[in-house]
């Protein structure tokens, strides 16, 4: 009888537990983020002058959210980009930079060729308080001798 009672209580406890794949409440803010660069390969010198990074956020939540873009960080090869605070604070802004509505998106671009003049492989990662964009990679090759 004890074993039977123990099984019934155990099953009751298991049934009352939340399933392991339960989704986060819909009220939580959810931002999707991505960055892209306008080309995969640039030539050093004049070739990097046109290097532009595009930033995108999408509010997948059900409430307006402040994406806190100016508090974000841009990492280059694992290190915080110097002058990022200055870079991210500039440019034309609309209300979405402080209040991104549900199902809306925000995109902006920054010309950053002067940050990537030396040949090499560059891995960029953009992260904010409520978002984390996947890393992207591009390359600057030595200037062609022709």
Protein backbone atom coordinates (compact mmCIF):
# COMPACT_ATOMS: atom_id res chain seq x y z
CA UNK A 1 0.00 0.00 0.00
CA UNK A 2 2.85 2.38 0.81
CA UNK A 3 4.48 1.71 -2.56
CA UNK A 4 1.18 2.41 -4.33
CA UNK A 5 0.70 5.68 -2.41
CA UNK A 6 4.30 6.70 -3.14
CA UNK A 7 3.75 6.10 -6.89
CA UNK A 8 0.51 8.12 -6.92
CA UNK A 9 2.17 11.06 -5.11
CA UNK A 10 5.22 10.86 -7.43
CA UNK A 11 3.07 10.87 -10.55
CA UNK A 12 1.07 13.82 -9.19
CA UNK A 13 4.28 15.78 -8.60
CA UNK A 14 5.54 15.01 -12.11
CA UNK A 15 2.28 16.11 -13.69
CA UNK A 16 2.28 19.39 -11.77
CA UNK A 17 5.78 20.34 -13.00
CA UNK A 18 6.23 22.67 -15.98
CA UNK A 19 7.29 20.90 -19.16
CA UNK A 20 11.00 21.44 -19.94
CA UNK A 21 10.30 23.08 -23.32
CA UNK A 22 7.89 25.69 -21.96
CA UNK A 23 8.27 28.99 -23.83
CA UNK A 24 9.09 32.28 -22.15
CA UNK A 25 6.08 34.45 -21.32
CA UNK A 26 4.85 36.50 -24.26
CA UNK A 27 5.26 39.69 -22.23
CA UNK A 28 9.06 39.38 -22.29
CA UNK A 29 10.87 41.64 -24.72
CA UNK A 30 12.47 39.78 -27.58
CA UNK A 31 14.75 41.50 -30.05
CA UNK A 32 16.20 39.79 -33.10
CA UNK A 33 19.45 41.37 -34.24
CA UNK A 34 21.77 41.06 -37.20
CA UNK A 35 24.66 42.88 -38.82
CA UNK A 36 25.92 42.70 -42.37
CA UNK A 37 28.71 44.24 -44.36
CA UNK A 38 28.23 45.42 -47.94
CA UNK A 39 30.95 43.10 -49.37
CA UNK A 40 32.87 40.04 -48.18
CA UNK A 41 36.28 41.17 -49.49
CA UNK A 42 37.79 44.67 -49.62
CA UNK A 43 41.13 45.84 -50.99
CA UNK A 44 43.26 47.91 -48.63
CA UNK A 45 43.57 51.61 -49.27
CA UNK A 46 40.83 53.15 -51.38
CA UNK A 47 38.96 49.82 -51.40
CA UNK A 48 37.94 50.12 -47.75
CA UNK A 49 36.52 53.64 -48.18
CA UNK A 50 33.15 52.15 -49.14
CA UNK A 51 33.01 49.66 -46.27
CA UNK A 52 29.63 49.99 -44.61
CA UNK A 53 28.11 47.98 -41.77
CA UNK A 54 24.34 47.57 -41.66
CA UNK A 55 22.62 46.99 -38.32
CA UNK A 56 19.11 45.58 -37.89
CA UNK A 57 16.74 44.93 -34.99
CA UNK A 58 13.26 43.39 -35.02
CA UNK A 59 10.93 43.51 -32.03
CA UNK A 60 9.44 40.00 -31.81
CA UNK A 61 7.75 40.78 -28.49
CA UNK A 62 4.29 42.13 -27.78
CA UNK A 63 5.35 45.39 -26.11
CA UNK A 64 7.26 48.50 -27.10
CA UNK A 65 10.90 48.16 -26.07
CA UNK A 66 13.82 50.55 -25.76
CA UNK A 67 16.59 48.68 -27.63
CA UNK A 68 19.22 50.79 -25.82
CA UNK A 69 21.33 50.95 -28.95
CA UNK A 70 23.77 53.48 -27.53
CA UNK A 71 24.59 51.00 -24.75
CA UNK A 72 25.47 48.31 -27.30
CA UNK A 73 28.98 47.05 -27.99
CA UNK A 74 30.67 46.19 -31.28
CA UNK A 75 33.47 43.67 -30.97
CA UNK A 76 36.16 43.24 -33.62
CA UNK A 77 38.09 40.00 -33.34
CA UNK A 78 36.88 39.69 -29.75
CA UNK A 79 37.85 43.22 -28.63
CA UNK A 80 35.57 46.20 -28.15
CA UNK A 81 35.89 48.58 -31.08
CA UNK A 82 37.57 51.81 -30.02
CA UNK A 83 35.46 54.88 -30.68
CA UNK A 84 32.28 52.73 -30.78
CA UNK A 85 30.52 55.04 -28.31
CA UNK A 86 31.13 57.95 -30.70
CA UNK A 87 30.17 55.91 -33.79
CA UNK A 88 26.86 54.63 -32.38
CA UNK A 89 25.80 58.02 -30.98
CA UNK A 90 25.90 59.80 -34.35
CA UNK A 91 23.53 59.88 -37.26
CA UNK A 92 19.88 60.59 -37.86
CA UNK A 93 17.55 58.98 -35.31
CA UNK A 94 13.81 58.45 -35.18
CA UNK A 95 11.56 57.42 -32.28
CA UNK A 96 12.29 53.70 -32.80
CA UNK A 97 15.81 54.15 -31.43
CA UNK A 98 14.21 54.67 -28.00
CA UNK A 99 10.85 52.90 -28.43
CA UNK A 100 10.68 50.05 -30.95
CA UNK A 101 7.04 48.94 -31.37
CA UNK A 102 6.06 45.25 -31.52
CA UNK A 103 6.49 43.65 -34.96
CA UNK A 104 8.46 46.69 -36.13
CA UNK A 105 12.07 46.85 -37.22
CA UNK A 106 14.91 49.29 -37.15
CA UNK A 107 17.82 49.40 -39.57
CA UNK A 108 20.73 51.79 -39.84
CA UNK A 109 24.17 51.86 -41.45
CA UNK A 110 27.55 53.21 -40.42
CA UNK A 111 30.44 53.85 -42.85
CA UNK A 112 33.45 52.36 -41.07
CA UNK A 113 36.17 51.94 -43.69
CA UNK A 114 38.66 53.92 -41.62
CA UNK A 115 38.42 51.27 -38.86
CA UNK A 116 39.47 48.43 -41.19
CA UNK A 117 42.30 49.74 -43.36
CA UNK A 118 44.87 47.02 -42.63
CA UNK A 119 44.78 43.66 -44.44
CA UNK A 120 43.33 40.88 -42.31
CA UNK A 121 40.28 38.84 -41.43
CA UNK A 122 37.76 40.71 -39.33
CA UNK A 123 35.12 39.04 -37.17
CA UNK A 124 32.41 41.40 -35.95
CA UNK A 125 29.94 40.77 -33.14
CA UNK A 126 27.23 43.27 -32.08
CA UNK A 127 25.69 42.87 -28.64
CA UNK A 128 23.24 44.90 -26.61
CA UNK A 129 21.43 44.53 -23.30
CA UNK A 130 18.46 42.79 -24.96
CA UNK A 131 20.02 41.42 -28.16
CA UNK A 132 23.00 39.47 -29.45
CA UNK A 133 23.61 39.41 -33.22
CA UNK A 134 25.43 36.47 -34.81
CA UNK A 135 29.07 37.10 -35.71
CA UNK A 136 29.96 38.08 -39.27
CA UNK A 137 33.29 37.82 -41.09
CA UNK A 138 34.88 39.81 -43.90
CA UNK A 139 38.39 40.29 -45.20
CA UNK A 140 40.66 43.12 -46.27
CA UNK A 141 43.29 41.95 -48.77
CA UNK A 142 46.57 43.69 -49.67
CA UNK A 143 46.35 46.18 -52.50
CA UNK A 144 46.88 44.56 -55.89
CA UNK A 145 50.24 45.52 -57.49
CA UNK A 146 48.53 46.13 -60.88
